[in-house]
Amino acid sequence: MIVDVHSHMSDANLHLTDEFKADLGSSWQGLTIDATPAIHQQAVDAVDAIIVFPLYAPYSGIVVPNEYVADYVRGAGANVIGFASVDANDADAPDQLEHAAKQLGLRGLKIGPIYQGYDPLGQGAAAMFAKAEALGLPVMWHHGTTFVRKAPLKYAQPYQVDEVAIRFPDLKIIVAHMGHPGIGETVSVVRKHPNVYTDISGLYPRPWQYYNALITAIEYGTADKLLFGTDFPLFSAADTLAGLRNVNALVEGTALPRVPEGVIEGIIHRESLSLLGLA
């Protein structure tokens, strides 16, 4: 079974501002940013199960309503699992999250403090995390670089996950993109906390960083907590699978260690839904 834990949904004409698209275009020429229901169906067809989410981040010009994903998931089949997104800047963010879970049927939370413009260690975020923990909702947390010029990089540091995991030990957290470029930090946090995982989405186009990320996880004994994800629509399942299975091509003919085939296939076929309490 192949589970994609990281896919996006949005209509670029409805949900993304011109400023956001201008920032995106400067860094990602030629990549698809549309993920309407018809387009997202391509991602569904490529795997056995998939998690899809919006991002509600007015600060950066991304405003995808939870209802947009909920309506899609409702008719998409049991193998499509929808997450919500709320902004911790809103005083009623915990109530919004509860509504998304209980009335809309969404089963997790997608956050991106770097895009939403809030301190993930602040009081607003703490209230949101407490609600997610109480509702049993796993949190997909964007970490790593960004093309949005005004997005504060200080709000995407993997060590922040450590503090949240200490305060909310029952909260399941997925650190997106292995927290690149802070991969070492991410691995250390994942190793430390039983309910913290990380995904490999969006990494294969950076082969040297990707190879080192996987080797680091192996050396620290956390390879079994790496989850398969694509970052659709930016990257497809087919290309992500090919990139992962070809990760050792970079070091052929050298004395550098190889990523074992068992680790590679373990990531691809990981029982991610069970680990996240979503099976």
Foldseek 3Di string as FASTA:
>chain_A
DFEAEAEEADACVPFADPLLVVLVCVPQPPFDDHHALVNVVQQPVVGQAYEYEAEPAVQQGGHDALLRQLVSVVPPDPRYAYAYEFALVDQCRLVVRVCCCPVSVHAAYEYECLRNVDACPDPSVLSNQVSCLVSLHAYEYEAEDDSRVPRDNVRRALVVVLVSCVVRVSHAYEYELCRPPNNLSSLVSQLVHLRYAYENEPPLVPLVSSFVSLVSNVVSVNLLRYAYHHHPPRGHPVVSLVSLVCSCVVQPPHPDDDRDPVSSVSRRPPPVCVSSVND
